[in-house]
Amino acid sequence: QVQLVESGGGLVQAGGSLRLSCAAPGIFFSTATMAWYRQAPGNARELVALLSSSGTKYGDSVKGRFSISRDNGQNTVFLQMNRLEPEDTGVYYCNANARAFGSGSRRDYWGQGTQVTVSS
């Protein structure tokens, strides 16, 4: 089974920084498209950042503040979040679109989410 494991969430004051990590064992990581989504209470889940072979993509509200990166040696994707705002508060989910070991097709895999709370 593919189980994405997230870490790095927490409480931070507005203007501060956090770095989220997502370990993605069990998939062909180097060819996987990795992404971060977030969901605030009462809102739909939205794309925060995506990293694929074509480059990076960011949600409009985080452009210039957040950066996505990956370490293929550790099968880990990161989300560096700077100049955090209260509006960034929510549950952040790691997503992988990849082929898993023993599987012949690509599919989406999700982490359980990590809470990020930004105080004003």
N, C-alpha and C. Protein backbone atom coordinates (compact mmCIF):
# COMPACT_ATOMS: atom_id res chain seq x y z
N GLN A 1 0.84 -1.18 0.00
CA GLN A 1 0.00 0.00 0.00
C GLN A 1 0.88 1.25 0.00
N VAL A 2 0.42 2.28 -0.69
CA VAL A 2 1.09 3.57 -0.72
C VAL A 2 0.53 4.42 0.41
N GLN A 3 1.41 4.87 1.30
CA GLN A 3 1.00 5.71 2.42
C GLN A 3 1.90 6.93 2.46
N LEU A 4 1.37 8.07 2.05
CA LEU A 4 2.10 9.32 2.13
C LEU A 4 2.10 9.81 3.58
N VAL A 5 3.26 10.24 4.06
CA VAL A 5 3.43 10.64 5.44
C VAL A 5 3.86 12.10 5.48
N GLU A 6 3.05 12.94 6.10
CA GLU A 6 3.27 14.38 6.15
C GLU A 6 3.76 14.80 7.52
N SER A 7 4.52 15.89 7.56
CA SER A 7 5.00 16.45 8.80
C SER A 7 5.31 17.93 8.60
N GLY A 8 5.46 18.65 9.70
CA GLY A 8 5.88 20.04 9.65
C GLY A 8 4.80 21.06 9.94
N GLY A 9 3.56 20.64 10.07
CA GLY A 9 2.51 21.59 10.37
C GLY A 9 2.60 22.09 11.80
N GLY A 10 1.85 23.14 12.08
CA GLY A 10 1.86 23.70 13.42
C GLY A 10 1.26 25.08 13.46
N LEU A 11 1.50 25.76 14.57
CA LEU A 11 1.00 27.10 14.80
C LEU A 11 2.13 28.10 14.61
N VAL A 12 1.86 29.14 13.84
CA VAL A 12 2.86 30.16 13.57
C VAL A 12 2.19 31.52 13.49
N GLN A 13 2.92 32.55 13.84
CA GLN A 13 2.40 33.91 13.78
C GLN A 13 2.48 34.44 12.36
N ALA A 14 1.57 35.33 12.01
CA ALA A 14 1.58 35.94 10.69
C ALA A 14 2.95 36.55 10.40
N GLY A 15 3.42 36.33 9.18
CA GLY A 15 4.74 36.78 8.78
C GLY A 15 5.82 35.74 8.95
N GLY A 16 5.52 34.67 9.65
CA GLY A 16 6.50 33.62 9.89
C GLY A 16 6.55 32.61 8.76
N SER A 17 7.32 31.55 9.00
CA SER A 17 7.56 30.53 7.98
C SER A 17 7.37 29.13 8.55
N LEU A 18 7.00 28.21 7.69
CA LEU A 18 6.93 26.79 7.99
C LEU A 18 7.41 26.01 6.79
N ARG A 19 7.95 24.82 7.04
CA ARG A 19 8.35 23.92 5.97
C ARG A 19 7.66 22.58 6.17
N LEU A 20 6.81 22.21 5.23
CA LEU A 20 6.12 20.94 5.27
C LEU A 20 6.90 19.90 4.49
N SER A 21 6.85 18.66 4.97
CA SER A 21 7.50 17.55 4.30
C SER A 21 6.49 16.44 4.05
N CYS A 22 6.68 15.71 2.98
CA CYS A 22 5.83 14.58 2.64
C CYS A 22 6.69 13.46 2.10
N ALA A 23 6.77 12.37 2.83
CA ALA A 23 7.48 11.18 2.39
C ALA A 23 6.53 10.30 1.59
N ALA A 24 6.99 9.84 0.45
CA ALA A 24 6.13 9.08 -0.47
C ALA A 24 6.78 7.76 -0.86
N PRO A 25 6.82 6.81 0.05
CA PRO A 25 7.37 5.49 -0.29
C PRO A 25 6.41 4.67 -1.14
N GLY A 26 6.96 3.70 -1.84
CA GLY A 26 6.13 2.77 -2.57
C GLY A 26 5.72 3.19 -3.96
N ILE A 27 6.24 4.32 -4.44
CA ILE A 27 5.92 4.80 -5.77
C ILE A 27 7.21 5.07 -6.54
N PHE A 28 7.07 5.16 -7.85
CA PHE A 28 8.19 5.59 -8.69
C PHE A 28 8.27 7.11 -8.59
N PHE A 29 9.02 7.57 -7.60
CA PHE A 29 8.97 8.97 -7.18
C PHE A 29 9.54 9.92 -8.23
N SER A 30 10.62 9.52 -8.90
CA SER A 30 11.29 10.44 -9.82
C SER A 30 10.41 10.84 -10.99
N THR A 31 9.43 10.03 -11.34
CA THR A 31 8.52 10.35 -12.44
C THR A 31 7.14 10.77 -11.95
N ALA A 32 6.97 10.90 -10.65
CA ALA A 32 5.69 11.26 -10.08
C ALA A 32 5.48 12.77 -10.14
N THR A 33 4.23 13.16 -10.35
CA THR A 33 3.84 14.55 -10.18
C THR A 33 3.40 14.72 -8.73
N MET A 34 4.05 15.64 -8.03
CA MET A 34 3.77 15.87 -6.62
C MET A 34 3.09 17.22 -6.45
N ALA A 35 2.21 17.30 -5.48
CA ALA A 35 1.46 18.54 -5.26
C ALA A 35 1.06 18.67 -3.81
N TRP A 36 0.78 19.90 -3.43
CA TRP A 36 0.20 20.23 -2.14
C TRP A 36 -1.15 20.91 -2.35
N TYR A 37 -2.14 20.46 -1.62
CA TYR A 37 -3.45 21.08 -1.58
C TYR A 37 -3.74 21.52 -0.15
N ARG A 38 -4.71 22.40 0.01
CA ARG A 38 -5.14 22.79 1.34
C ARG A 38 -6.65 22.98 1.36
N GLN A 39 -7.20 22.88 2.55
CA GLN A 39 -8.64 23.03 2.73
C GLN A 39 -8.90 23.71 4.06
N ALA A 40 -9.57 24.85 3.99
CA ALA A 40 -10.00 25.56 5.18
C ALA A 40 -11.42 25.13 5.52
N PRO A 41 -11.82 25.24 6.79
CA PRO A 41 -13.18 24.85 7.17
C PRO A 41 -14.23 25.55 6.34
N GLY A 42 -15.15 24.79 5.78
CA GLY A 42 -16.22 25.34 4.97
C GLY A 42 -15.86 25.65 3.54
N ASN A 43 -14.62 25.40 3.15
CA ASN A 43 -14.17 25.69 1.80
C ASN A 43 -13.77 24.42 1.07
N ALA A 44 -13.72 24.51 -0.25
CA ALA A 44 -13.28 23.40 -1.07
C ALA A 44 -11.76 23.26 -1.01
N ARG A 45 -11.30 22.06 -1.28
CA ARG A 45 -9.87 21.83 -1.35
C ARG A 45 -9.31 22.54 -2.57
N GLU A 46 -8.19 23.26 -2.40
CA GLU A 46 -7.61 24.03 -3.48
C GLU A 46 -6.14 23.68 -3.67
N LEU A 47 -5.69 23.81 -4.90
CA LEU A 47 -4.29 23.56 -5.22
C LEU A 47 -3.42 24.67 -4.67
N VAL A 48 -2.36 24.29 -3.97
CA VAL A 48 -1.38 25.24 -3.45
C VAL A 48 -0.15 25.28 -4.34
N ALA A 49 0.41 24.12 -4.65
CA ALA A 49 1.62 24.06 -5.46
C ALA A 49 1.71 22.69 -6.10
N LEU A 50 2.30 22.64 -7.28
CA LEU A 50 2.46 21.40 -8.03
C LEU A 50 3.83 21.38 -8.69
N LEU A 51 4.46 20.21 -8.69
CA LEU A 51 5.76 20.04 -9.31
C LEU A 51 5.72 18.80 -10.19
N SER A 52 5.96 19.00 -11.48
CA SER A 52 5.98 17.92 -12.44
C SER A 52 7.18 18.10 -13.36
N SER A 53 7.29 17.21 -14.33
CA SER A 53 8.37 17.32 -15.31
C SER A 53 8.24 18.58 -16.16
N SER A 54 7.06 19.18 -16.20
CA SER A 54 6.84 20.39 -16.98
C SER A 54 7.17 21.66 -16.21
N GLY A 55 7.44 21.54 -14.92
CA GLY A 55 7.74 22.70 -14.11
C GLY A 55 6.87 22.80 -12.89
N THR A 56 6.70 24.01 -12.39
CA THR A 56 5.93 24.25 -11.18
C THR A 56 4.70 25.08 -11.48
N LYS A 57 3.70 24.94 -10.63
CA LYS A 57 2.49 25.74 -10.70
C LYS A 57 2.06 26.06 -9.28
N TYR A 58 1.59 27.29 -9.07
CA TYR A 58 1.19 27.74 -7.75
C TYR A 58 -0.18 28.37 -7.80
N GLY A 59 -0.91 28.24 -6.71
CA GLY A 59 -2.14 28.97 -6.58
C GLY A 59 -1.89 30.46 -6.52
N ASP A 60 -2.83 31.24 -7.03
CA ASP A 60 -2.62 32.68 -7.11
C ASP A 60 -2.31 33.31 -5.76
N SER A 61 -2.94 32.84 -4.71
CA SER A 61 -2.79 33.46 -3.41
C SER A 61 -1.44 33.20 -2.74
N VAL A 62 -0.66 32.23 -3.26
CA VAL A 62 0.61 31.89 -2.63
C VAL A 62 1.81 32.18 -3.51
N LYS A 63 1.59 32.65 -4.73
CA LYS A 63 2.70 32.94 -5.63
C LYS A 63 3.63 33.97 -5.01
N GLY A 64 4.92 33.67 -5.07
CA GLY A 64 5.93 34.54 -4.50
C GLY A 64 6.20 34.31 -3.03
N ARG A 65 5.37 33.51 -2.36
CA ARG A 65 5.56 33.23 -0.94
C ARG A 65 5.89 31.77 -0.66
N PHE A 66 5.33 30.85 -1.44
CA PHE A 66 5.53 29.42 -1.23
C PHE A 66 6.41 28.86 -2.34
N SER A 67 7.17 27.81 -2.01
CA SER A 67 8.01 27.12 -2.98
C SER A 67 7.93 25.61 -2.75
N ILE A 68 7.73 24.87 -3.83
CA ILE A 68 7.70 23.41 -3.76
C ILE A 68 9.00 22.87 -4.31
N SER A 69 9.51 21.82 -3.68
CA SER A 69 10.74 21.18 -4.13
C SER A 69 10.68 19.70 -3.77
N ARG A 70 11.65 18.94 -4.27
CA ARG A 70 11.65 17.50 -4.02
C ARG A 70 13.06 16.99 -3.86
N ASP A 71 13.19 15.89 -3.13
CA ASP A 71 14.44 15.17 -2.96
C ASP A 71 14.18 13.75 -3.44
N ASN A 72 14.63 13.45 -4.65
CA ASN A 72 14.36 12.13 -5.22
C ASN A 72 15.08 11.01 -4.46
N GLY A 73 16.21 11.33 -3.83
CA GLY A 73 16.93 10.32 -3.07
C GLY A 73 16.18 9.86 -1.84
N GLN A 74 15.34 10.73 -1.27
CA GLN A 74 14.57 10.39 -0.07
C GLN A 74 13.09 10.23 -0.35
N ASN A 75 12.69 10.30 -1.61
CA ASN A 75 11.27 10.21 -1.97
C ASN A 75 10.43 11.18 -1.14
N THR A 76 10.88 12.42 -1.08
CA THR A 76 10.23 13.41 -0.24
C THR A 76 10.00 14.70 -1.01
N VAL A 77 8.83 15.28 -0.82
CA VAL A 77 8.50 16.58 -1.39
C VAL A 77 8.33 17.57 -0.25
N PHE A 78 8.71 18.83 -0.49
CA PHE A 78 8.67 19.86 0.53
C PHE A 78 7.81 21.03 0.06
N LEU A 79 7.28 21.74 1.01
CA LEU A 79 6.60 23.00 0.74
C LEU A 79 7.14 24.03 1.71
N GLN A 80 7.94 24.96 1.21
CA GLN A 80 8.45 26.05 2.01
C GLN A 80 7.45 27.20 1.96
N MET A 81 6.95 27.59 3.11
CA MET A 81 5.93 28.62 3.21
C MET A 81 6.50 29.81 3.96
N ASN A 82 6.58 30.95 3.29
CA ASN A 82 7.13 32.17 3.87
C ASN A 82 6.06 33.25 3.91
N ARG A 83 6.28 34.23 4.78
CA ARG A 83 5.35 35.36 4.94
C ARG A 83 3.91 34.87 5.06
N LEU A 84 3.72 33.95 5.98
CA LEU A 84 2.41 33.34 6.16
C LEU A 84 1.38 34.35 6.62
N GLU A 85 0.16 34.15 6.17
CA GLU A 85 -0.97 35.00 6.48
C GLU A 85 -2.07 34.18 7.15
N PRO A 86 -2.94 34.80 7.94
CA PRO A 86 -4.04 34.05 8.54
C PRO A 86 -4.88 33.30 7.52
N GLU A 87 -5.00 33.83 6.31
CA GLU A 87 -5.76 33.17 5.26
C GLU A 87 -5.13 31.87 4.78
N ASP A 88 -3.87 31.62 5.15
CA ASP A 88 -3.22 30.37 4.81
C ASP A 88 -3.61 29.23 5.75
N THR A 89 -4.35 29.52 6.79
CA THR A 89 -4.76 28.51 7.75
C THR A 89 -5.61 27.43 7.09
N GLY A 90 -5.32 26.18 7.40
CA GLY A 90 -6.09 25.07 6.88
C GLY A 90 -5.34 23.77 7.04
N VAL A 91 -5.94 22.71 6.54
CA VAL A 91 -5.30 21.40 6.52
C VAL A 91 -4.62 21.24 5.17
N TYR A 92 -3.34 20.95 5.21
CA TYR A 92 -2.55 20.80 4.00
C TYR A 92 -2.35 19.32 3.69
N TYR A 93 -2.65 18.95 2.45
CA TYR A 93 -2.59 17.57 2.01
C TYR A 93 -1.53 17.39 0.93
N CYS A 94 -0.76 16.34 1.06
CA CYS A 94 0.20 15.95 0.05
C CYS A 94 -0.47 15.04 -0.97
N ASN A 95 -0.16 15.23 -2.24
CA ASN A 95 -0.74 14.45 -3.32
C ASN A 95 0.35 13.96 -4.25
N ALA A 96 0.23 12.72 -4.68
CA ALA A 96 1.13 12.15 -5.67
C ALA A 96 0.33 11.52 -6.79
N ASN A 97 0.66 11.85 -8.01
CA ASN A 97 0.12 11.16 -9.17
C ASN A 97 1.26 10.33 -9.74
N ALA A 98 1.15 9.02 -9.58
CA ALA A 98 2.32 8.18 -9.84
C ALA A 98 1.91 6.74 -10.06
N ARG A 99 2.87 5.98 -10.57
CA ARG A 99 2.75 4.53 -10.61
C ARG A 99 3.35 3.97 -9.33
N ALA A 100 2.62 3.12 -8.67
CA ALA A 100 3.10 2.46 -7.47
C ALA A 100 3.81 1.17 -7.84
N PHE A 101 4.67 0.71 -6.92
CA PHE A 101 5.31 -0.58 -7.12
C PHE A 101 4.25 -1.66 -7.27
N GLY A 102 4.35 -2.44 -8.33
CA GLY A 102 3.39 -3.50 -8.57
C GLY A 102 2.15 -3.07 -9.33
N SER A 103 2.07 -1.80 -9.72
CA SER A 103 0.94 -1.28 -10.47
C SER A 103 1.40 -0.80 -11.83
N GLY A 104 0.55 -0.99 -12.84
CA GLY A 104 0.91 -0.61 -14.19
C GLY A 104 0.31 0.69 -14.68
N SER A 105 -0.43 1.39 -13.84
CA SER A 105 -1.06 2.64 -14.25
C SER A 105 -0.89 3.71 -13.18
N ARG A 106 -0.98 4.96 -13.60
CA ARG A 106 -0.87 6.08 -12.67
C ARG A 106 -2.20 6.34 -11.98
N ARG A 107 -2.13 6.78 -10.73
CA ARG A 107 -3.29 7.18 -9.97
C ARG A 107 -2.88 8.19 -8.92
N ASP A 108 -3.88 8.78 -8.27
CA ASP A 108 -3.63 9.75 -7.22
C ASP A 108 -3.55 9.08 -5.86
N TYR A 109 -2.57 9.51 -5.07
CA TYR A 109 -2.42 9.10 -3.69
C TYR A 109 -2.40 10.34 -2.82
N TRP A 110 -2.94 10.22 -1.61
CA TRP A 110 -3.10 11.36 -0.71
C TRP A 110 -2.55 11.05 0.67
N GLY A 111 -2.02 12.09 1.30
CA GLY A 111 -1.69 12.01 2.70
C GLY A 111 -2.91 12.29 3.56
N GLN A 112 -2.77 12.11 4.86
CA GLN A 112 -3.87 12.34 5.78
C GLN A 112 -4.05 13.80 6.15
N GLY A 113 -3.09 14.64 5.82
CA GLY A 113 -3.19 16.05 6.07
C GLY A 113 -2.46 16.47 7.34
N THR A 114 -1.98 17.70 7.33
CA THR A 114 -1.33 18.29 8.50
C THR A 114 -1.87 19.70 8.69
N GLN A 115 -2.19 20.04 9.93
CA GLN A 115 -2.83 21.31 10.23
C GLN A 115 -1.81 22.44 10.26
N VAL A 116 -2.13 23.53 9.57
CA VAL A 116 -1.34 24.75 9.62
C VAL A 116 -2.26 25.86 10.12
N THR A 117 -1.87 26.50 11.20
CA THR A 117 -2.64 27.59 11.77
C THR A 117 -1.77 28.83 11.87
N VAL A 118 -2.23 29.91 11.27
CA VAL A 118 -1.49 31.17 11.25
C VAL A 118 -2.30 32.19 12.05
N SER A 119 -1.73 32.69 13.12
CA SER A 119 -2.40 33.66 13.97
C SER A 119 -2.08 35.07 13.52
N SER A 120 -3.02 35.98 13.72
CA SER A 120 -2.83 37.36 13.32
C SER A 120 -2.15 38.17 14.40
